[in-house]
Protein backbone atom coordinates (compact mmCIF):
# COMPACT_ATOMS: atom_id res chain seq x y z
CA MET A 1 0.00 0.00 0.00
CA ILE A 2 1.04 3.59 -0.66
CA THR A 3 0.84 6.73 1.44
CA VAL A 4 0.50 9.80 -0.78
CA VAL A 5 1.87 13.01 0.77
CA VAL A 6 0.72 16.31 -0.73
CA PRO A 7 1.60 19.75 0.66
CA THR A 8 -0.81 22.36 -0.68
CA MET A 9 -1.83 25.99 -0.58
CA TRP A 10 -4.96 25.22 -2.64
CA LYS A 11 -3.90 27.25 -5.70
CA TYR A 12 -4.61 24.59 -8.36
CA LYS A 13 -8.35 24.04 -8.75
CA PRO A 14 -8.25 20.52 -10.29
CA PHE A 15 -6.41 19.23 -7.21
CA ILE A 16 -9.58 18.42 -5.26
CA ARG A 17 -11.02 16.21 -7.99
CA PHE A 18 -7.70 14.40 -8.38
CA VAL A 19 -7.71 13.64 -4.64
CA GLU A 20 -11.18 12.18 -5.16
CA ASP A 21 -9.86 10.04 -8.03
CA MET A 22 -6.96 8.80 -5.89
CA THR A 23 -9.30 7.56 -3.16
CA ASP A 24 -10.64 5.01 -5.68
CA VAL A 25 -7.17 3.51 -6.30
CA SER A 26 -6.84 0.21 -4.43
CA SER A 27 -3.08 0.53 -3.84
CA ILE A 28 -3.43 3.95 -2.16
CA GLY A 29 -4.04 3.38 1.54
CA GLU A 30 -3.99 6.98 2.69
CA ILE A 31 -3.57 10.53 1.39
CA ILE A 32 -1.88 12.93 3.79
CA ILE A 33 -2.59 16.53 2.83
CA ILE A 34 -0.42 19.11 4.55
CA ASP A 35 -2.54 22.27 4.59
CA ASN A 36 -0.19 25.23 4.25
CA ASP A 37 -2.96 27.85 3.90
CA SER A 38 -5.94 27.03 6.08
CA ALA A 39 -7.84 30.18 5.11
CA ALA A 40 -7.90 29.03 1.50
CA MET A 41 -8.93 25.43 2.16
CA PRO A 42 -12.13 24.66 0.21
CA ASN A 43 -15.19 23.09 1.80
CA ASP A 44 -15.52 19.72 0.10
CA PRO A 45 -16.88 16.34 1.25
CA ILE A 46 -13.75 14.56 0.01
CA PHE A 47 -11.96 15.64 3.20
CA SER A 48 -14.25 13.34 5.19
CA HIS A 49 -13.16 10.30 3.19
CA PRO A 50 -11.48 7.67 5.42
CA LYS A 51 -8.36 7.63 3.23
CA VAL A 52 -7.85 11.40 3.48
CA ASN A 53 -5.99 12.95 6.41
CA CYS A 54 -5.66 16.76 6.39
CA ILE A 55 -3.01 18.17 8.71
CA SER A 56 -2.64 21.87 9.46
CA TYR A 57 -0.13 23.66 11.68
CA GLY A 58 -1.91 27.00 11.32
CA ARG A 59 0.83 28.39 9.10
CA ASN A 60 2.83 27.62 6.00
CA ILE A 61 5.51 25.12 7.03
CA TYR A 62 6.72 24.89 3.39
CA VAL A 63 7.21 21.88 1.21
CA ASN A 64 10.36 20.18 2.50
CA PRO A 65 9.31 20.08 6.17
CA ALA A 66 5.91 18.84 4.95
CA TRP A 67 7.61 15.99 3.09
CA ASN A 68 9.52 15.06 6.26
CA ILE A 69 6.38 15.13 8.39
CA GLY A 70 4.26 13.23 5.87
CA THR A 71 6.88 10.51 5.53
CA ARG A 72 7.27 10.19 9.30
CA LEU A 73 3.50 9.95 9.88
CA ALA A 74 2.82 7.56 6.98
CA LYS A 75 1.11 4.30 7.87
CA TYR A 76 2.55 2.50 4.86
CA GLU A 77 6.07 1.66 3.71
CA ASN A 78 5.64 2.90 0.16
CA ILE A 79 5.62 6.70 -0.08
CA CYS A 80 4.54 8.98 -2.90
CA LEU A 81 5.37 12.69 -2.78
CA LEU A 82 2.95 14.47 -5.09
CA ASN A 83 2.74 18.13 -6.07
CA ASP A 84 -0.77 19.50 -5.81
CA ASP A 85 -0.62 20.71 -9.42
CA VAL A 86 0.07 17.27 -10.94
CA ILE A 87 -2.38 15.03 -12.77
CA VAL A 88 -1.00 11.58 -13.61
CA ASP A 89 -2.22 8.24 -14.92
CA LEU A 90 -3.75 6.50 -11.90
CA LYS A 91 -2.35 3.14 -13.06
CA LEU A 92 1.04 4.43 -11.94
CA PHE A 93 0.19 3.91 -8.27
CA ASN A 94 -0.50 0.19 -8.70
CA ARG A 95 2.66 -0.17 -10.78
CA MET A 96 4.83 1.53 -8.16
CA ASP A 97 3.26 -0.35 -5.25
CA LYS A 98 4.39 -3.60 -6.86
CA PHE A 99 7.84 -2.26 -7.74
CA LEU A 100 8.94 -0.56 -4.51
CA GLN A 101 10.78 -2.48 -1.81
CA PRO A 102 13.55 -1.74 0.71
CA GLY A 103 16.84 -1.31 -1.10
CA ILE A 104 15.30 0.71 -3.92
CA GLY A 105 15.95 4.46 -3.89
CA VAL A 106 13.79 7.23 -5.23
CA CYS A 107 11.74 6.77 -8.40
CA GLY A 108 10.91 10.13 -9.95
CA ILE A 109 8.73 11.15 -12.86
CA CYS A 110 10.30 12.05 -16.18
CA PRO A 111 7.88 14.52 -17.81
CA GLY A 112 8.89 13.47 -21.33
CA LEU A 113 10.16 16.90 -22.45
CA GLN A 114 12.22 15.59 -25.34
CA GLN A 115 12.84 18.85 -27.18
CA GLU A 116 13.61 20.96 -24.09
CA PHE A 117 15.63 18.49 -22.00
CA GLY A 118 16.26 15.40 -24.11
CA HIS A 119 13.84 13.28 -22.07
CA ILE A 120 12.46 9.96 -23.20
CA PRO A 121 9.14 11.04 -24.75
CA ILE A 122 5.70 9.94 -23.64
CA THR A 123 4.38 7.66 -26.37
CA SER A 124 2.26 4.66 -25.46
CA GLY A 125 1.84 5.41 -21.73
CA GLU A 126 2.96 1.90 -20.74
CA ILE A 127 4.81 3.19 -17.64
CA ASP A 128 8.47 2.16 -17.79
CA LEU A 129 11.15 2.34 -15.10
CA VAL A 130 14.69 3.20 -16.18
CA HIS A 131 17.67 2.92 -13.82
CA SER A 132 19.26 6.33 -13.28
CA PRO A 133 22.94 5.64 -12.53
CA MET A 134 24.11 9.21 -11.90
CA PRO A 135 23.85 12.01 -9.33
CA TYR A 136 21.10 14.61 -9.70
CA ASN A 137 21.31 16.48 -13.00
CA PRO A 138 19.03 19.53 -13.34
CA ARG A 139 18.48 18.84 -17.04
CA ILE A 140 18.05 15.07 -17.04
CA HIS A 141 15.99 15.06 -13.86
CA PHE A 142 13.94 18.19 -14.51
CA GLY A 143 10.43 17.77 -13.12
CA MET A 144 11.29 14.79 -10.94
CA GLY A 145 10.44 16.66 -7.75
CA THR A 146 6.79 16.98 -8.76
CA LEU A 147 6.17 13.24 -8.31
CA MET A 148 8.45 10.83 -6.46
CA PHE A 149 8.13 7.38 -4.88
CA TYR A 150 10.44 5.69 -2.37
CA PRO A 151 10.39 3.22 0.54
CA LYS A 152 9.85 4.96 3.86
CA SER A 153 12.61 2.87 5.48
CA GLU A 154 15.24 4.30 3.10
CA TYR A 155 14.30 7.98 3.41
CA VAL A 156 16.92 10.44 4.67
CA PRO A 157 15.06 13.39 6.25
CA ILE A 158 15.72 16.76 4.63
CA ILE A 159 17.87 18.95 6.86
CA ASP A 160 16.77 22.13 8.61
CA GLY A 161 17.42 25.22 6.54
CA LEU A 162 15.96 23.77 3.36
CA ASP A 163 12.28 24.74 3.37
CA LEU A 164 11.19 25.58 -0.16
CA TYR A 165 13.97 24.52 -2.52
CA TRP A 166 16.50 21.73 -3.12
CA GLY A 167 14.37 19.03 -1.51
CA ASP A 168 14.17 16.94 -4.67
CA ASN A 169 17.93 17.26 -5.20
CA TYR A 170 18.48 16.24 -1.59
CA ILE A 171 16.23 13.18 -1.74
CA TYR A 172 17.67 12.06 -5.07
CA ASP A 173 21.32 12.38 -4.10
CA THR A 174 21.07 10.99 -0.56
CA LEU A 175 19.35 7.86 -1.90
CA TYR A 176 21.65 7.68 -4.92
CA TYR A 177 24.76 7.64 -2.73
CA LYS A 178 23.12 5.37 -0.18
CA LEU A 179 21.77 2.73 -2.59
CA ASN A 180 22.63 3.56 -6.23
CA ARG A 181 19.19 2.25 -7.23
CA ASN A 182 17.31 5.37 -8.31
CA TYR A 183 14.91 5.23 -11.25
CA GLN A 184 13.15 7.51 -13.68
CA ILE A 185 9.49 6.84 -14.41
CA VAL A 186 9.12 7.32 -18.16
CA ASN A 187 6.43 6.96 -20.80
CA THR A 188 3.67 7.85 -18.34
CA PHE A 189 0.72 10.12 -19.07
CA TYR A 190 1.33 13.18 -16.91
CA HIS A 191 0.36 16.85 -16.78
CA THR A 192 1.37 19.85 -14.70
CA PRO A 193 1.42 23.61 -15.31
CA TYR A 194 4.51 23.72 -12.99
CA ALA A 195 5.13 25.95 -9.97
CA VAL A 196 1.53 27.03 -9.43
CA THR A 197 2.21 27.54 -5.72
CA THR A 198 5.86 28.62 -5.58
CA SER A 199 5.21 31.34 -8.17
CA THR A 200 2.90 33.04 -5.63
CA ILE A 201 5.28 33.00 -2.64
CA ALA A 202 6.78 36.34 -1.71
CA ASN A 203 10.57 36.63 -1.47
CA SER A 204 11.05 33.27 -3.18
CA GLY A 205 14.21 34.57 -4.85
CA GLU A 206 15.74 35.45 -1.49
CA ILE A 207 14.76 32.03 -0.11
CA LEU A 208 16.33 30.32 -3.13
CA SER A 209 19.62 32.18 -2.67
CA ARG A 210 19.77 31.46 1.08
CA GLU A 211 18.90 27.79 0.71
CA HIS A 212 21.39 27.39 -2.13
CA GLN A 213 24.13 28.36 0.31
CA VAL A 214 22.84 25.90 2.92
CA TYR A 215 22.68 23.09 0.36
CA ASN A 216 26.19 23.67 -0.96
CA ARG A 217 27.60 23.94 2.55
CA GLU A 218 25.91 20.91 4.10
CA MET A 219 25.57 18.34 1.33
CA PRO A 220 29.26 17.30 1.12
CA ASN A 221 29.20 16.39 4.84
CA ILE A 222 25.90 14.51 4.52
CA LEU A 223 27.11 12.50 1.53
CA GLU A 224 30.38 11.70 3.29
CA GLN A 225 28.42 10.44 6.28
CA ILE A 226 26.39 8.19 3.97
CA ARG A 227 29.62 6.88 2.41
CA VAL A 228 31.02 6.01 5.85
CA GLU A 229 27.77 4.28 6.84
CA ASN A 230 27.88 2.26 3.63
CA VAL A 231 31.43 1.15 4.35
CA TYR A 232 30.46 0.17 7.88
CA ARG A 233 27.37 -1.70 6.70
CA THR A 234 29.39 -3.52 4.04
CA GLY A 235 31.93 -4.54 6.68
CA LEU A 236 29.20 -5.99 8.86
CA ASN A 237 27.98 -8.08 5.94
């Protein structure tokens, strides 16, 4: 079973109906919605559905802390991080629930932007998984942060100081260096207008600059710690 984690500020109107569609998917056990703008939350009966759990802290805690919290609270081992402005083929959830297991890293969507980024294009919609044997690349992995799957037991919580940006880079690279079993989800019907929420956040440029410094300063130490843990674990085996 999958726990879907979705931080939202309720900016993308089709989101509510997609939540409703997800409740009908057998492999989705729960949908954790982190409400980052309670005043804007719509009144809809879908929030009373037994699979839907809305959590509010009375303020915007931002996306990366919401991912940490959603993963920690998840009832199920298989986690999906979903942007609230994404619509995707619902068959993907059943496919990923069968594929995920401990020892697999993050599996992120490839939007199929062949002309812009050289992605594998979306053609038949058969849903393919392609091993991604490289660190995060902003061109190759563009869009991955809008839809990601991973086993809860392998997750490395995002560090303090990264609230709005770099979370997808962080998840990808920590699991890449930990396991070297990351995947791209390709040839999957998928739609997003991109950045519906972040485009409305004040001072986002200042936040990006500040968090860029945090990421560049802290990531080498985090990856070195993962390397040491891998060596230790290999020695035990």
